[in-house]
Amino acid sequence: MAKDELTAVTGVAHGTFSRPMPDGKGGFIQPTGKKFSINFATVGIWNRQGTMDEEFLFYDQLTWNRQIGLA
């Protein structure tokens, strides 16, 4: 969906936690090999040059953490 400078998209992200993930503290969380499938929505704000200036991504972090074995 698009309206003026805004776009909104929904989808499903699928994957497998198969590579180390940075933990934000200088370390890494080791992969669990578990698959995930998570619903998401994104809202983009576009400029007059046709490139995106900002993007806001929404998804259920707890559900994702549970699916990959971190919660």
C-alpha atoms as a PDB file:
ATOM      1  CA  MET A   1       0.000   0.000   0.000  1.00  0.00           C
ATOM      2  CA  ALA A   2       1.290   3.500  -0.749  1.00  0.00           C
ATOM      3  CA  LYS A   3       0.029   6.975   0.079  1.00  0.00           C
ATOM      4  CA  ASP A   4       2.071  10.042  -0.828  1.00  0.00           C
ATOM      5  CA  GLU A   5       5.511   9.452   0.736  1.00  0.00           C
ATOM      6  CA  LEU A   6       4.462   6.424   2.827  1.00  0.00           C
ATOM      7  CA  THR A   7       4.445   2.716   2.063  1.00  0.00           C
ATOM      8  CA  ALA A   8       3.205  -0.130   4.249  1.00  0.00           C
ATOM      9  CA  VAL A   9       3.992  -3.789   3.651  1.00  0.00           C
ATOM     10  CA  THR A  10       3.186  -6.989   5.536  1.00  0.00           C
ATOM     11  CA  GLY A  11       4.809 -10.331   5.083  1.00  0.00           C
ATOM     12  CA  VAL A  12       6.254 -13.452   6.629  1.00  0.00           C
ATOM     13  CA  ALA A  13       9.984 -13.920   7.184  1.00  0.00           C
ATOM     14  CA  HIS A  14      11.261 -17.505   7.114  1.00  0.00           C
ATOM     15  CA  GLY A  15      14.710 -18.723   7.997  1.00  0.00           C
ATOM     16  CA  THR A  16      17.013 -20.817  10.128  1.00  0.00           C
ATOM     17  CA  PHE A  17      19.221 -19.561  12.954  1.00  0.00           C
ATOM     18  CA  SER A  18      22.372 -20.972  11.371  1.00  0.00           C
ATOM     19  CA  ARG A  19      25.136 -18.395  11.961  1.00  0.00           C
ATOM     20  CA  PRO A  20      26.404 -16.617  15.095  1.00  0.00           C
ATOM     21  CA  MET A  21      24.384 -13.494  15.938  1.00  0.00           C
ATOM     22  CA  PRO A  22      26.001 -10.420  17.571  1.00  0.00           C
ATOM     23  CA  ASP A  23      24.704  -9.983  21.138  1.00  0.00           C
ATOM     24  CA  GLY A  24      25.220  -6.202  21.274  1.00  0.00           C
ATOM     25  CA  LYS A  25      27.890  -6.548  23.973  1.00  0.00           C
ATOM     26  CA  GLY A  26      30.837  -7.526  21.776  1.00  0.00           C
ATOM     27  CA  GLY A  27      30.055 -11.242  21.836  1.00  0.00           C
ATOM     28  CA  PHE A  28      27.955 -13.646  19.825  1.00  0.00           C
ATOM     29  CA  ILE A  29      24.986 -15.956  20.409  1.00  0.00           C
ATOM     30  CA  GLN A  30      25.731 -19.325  18.880  1.00  0.00           C
ATOM     31  CA  PRO A  31      23.207 -20.677  16.350  1.00  0.00           C
ATOM     32  CA  THR A  32      20.636 -23.239  17.437  1.00  0.00           C
ATOM     33  CA  GLY A  33      19.806 -24.565  13.972  1.00  0.00           C
ATOM     34  CA  LYS A  34      16.100 -23.947  14.637  1.00  0.00           C
ATOM     35  CA  LYS A  35      13.767 -22.663  11.940  1.00  0.00           C
ATOM     36  CA  PHE A  36      11.537 -19.589  12.316  1.00  0.00           C
ATOM     37  CA  SER A  37       8.520 -18.120  10.564  1.00  0.00           C
ATOM     38  CA  ILE A  38       7.449 -14.696  11.798  1.00  0.00           C
ATOM     39  CA  ASN A  39       4.837 -12.191  10.618  1.00  0.00           C
ATOM     40  CA  PHE A  40       6.033  -8.611  10.176  1.00  0.00           C
ATOM     41  CA  ALA A  41       4.902  -5.183   9.022  1.00  0.00           C
ATOM     42  CA  THR A  42       7.081  -2.363   7.739  1.00  0.00           C
ATOM     43  CA  VAL A  43       6.327   1.311   7.123  1.00  0.00           C
ATOM     44  CA  GLY A  44       8.630   3.308   4.846  1.00  0.00           C
ATOM     45  CA  ILE A  45       8.994   7.064   4.410  1.00  0.00           C
ATOM     46  CA  TRP A  46      10.281   8.039   0.962  1.00  0.00           C
ATOM     47  CA  ASN A  47      11.882  11.246  -0.320  1.00  0.00           C
ATOM     48  CA  ARG A  48      11.403  13.042  -3.634  1.00  0.00           C
ATOM     49  CA  GLN A  49      14.430  11.296  -5.123  1.00  0.00           C
ATOM     50  CA  GLY A  50      12.612   7.981  -4.772  1.00  0.00           C
ATOM     51  CA  THR A  51      14.775   6.531  -2.009  1.00  0.00           C
ATOM     52  CA  MET A  52      13.668   5.529   1.450  1.00  0.00           C
ATOM     53  CA  ASP A  53      14.674   7.917   4.257  1.00  0.00           C
ATOM     54  CA  GLU A  54      13.248   5.912   7.159  1.00  0.00           C
ATOM     55  CA  GLU A  55      11.822   2.462   7.767  1.00  0.00           C
ATOM     56  CA  PHE A  56       9.976   1.124  10.781  1.00  0.00           C
ATOM     57  CA  LEU A  57       9.810  -2.656  11.224  1.00  0.00           C
ATOM     58  CA  PHE A  58       7.311  -4.350  13.532  1.00  0.00           C
ATOM     59  CA  TYR A  59       7.375  -8.001  14.602  1.00  0.00           C
ATOM     60  CA  ASP A  60       6.862 -10.098  17.718  1.00  0.00           C
ATOM     61  CA  GLN A  61      10.363 -10.448  19.202  1.00  0.00           C
ATOM     62  CA  LEU A  62       9.267 -12.911  21.914  1.00  0.00           C
ATOM     63  CA  THR A  63       7.711 -15.285  19.379  1.00  0.00           C
ATOM     64  CA  TRP A  64      10.858 -15.093  17.239  1.00  0.00           C
ATOM     65  CA  ASN A  65      13.109 -15.749  20.263  1.00  0.00           C
ATOM     66  CA  ARG A  66      10.983 -18.749  21.226  1.00  0.00           C
ATOM     67  CA  GLN A  67      11.115 -20.193  17.713  1.00  0.00           C
ATOM     68  CA  ILE A  68      14.928 -19.962  17.522  1.00  0.00           C
ATOM     69  CA  GLY A  69      15.397 -21.388  21.035  1.00  0.00           C
ATOM     70  CA  LEU A  70      16.390 -18.238  22.940  1.00  0.00           C
ATOM     71  CA  ALA A  71      13.312 -17.874  25.171  1.00  0.00           C
END
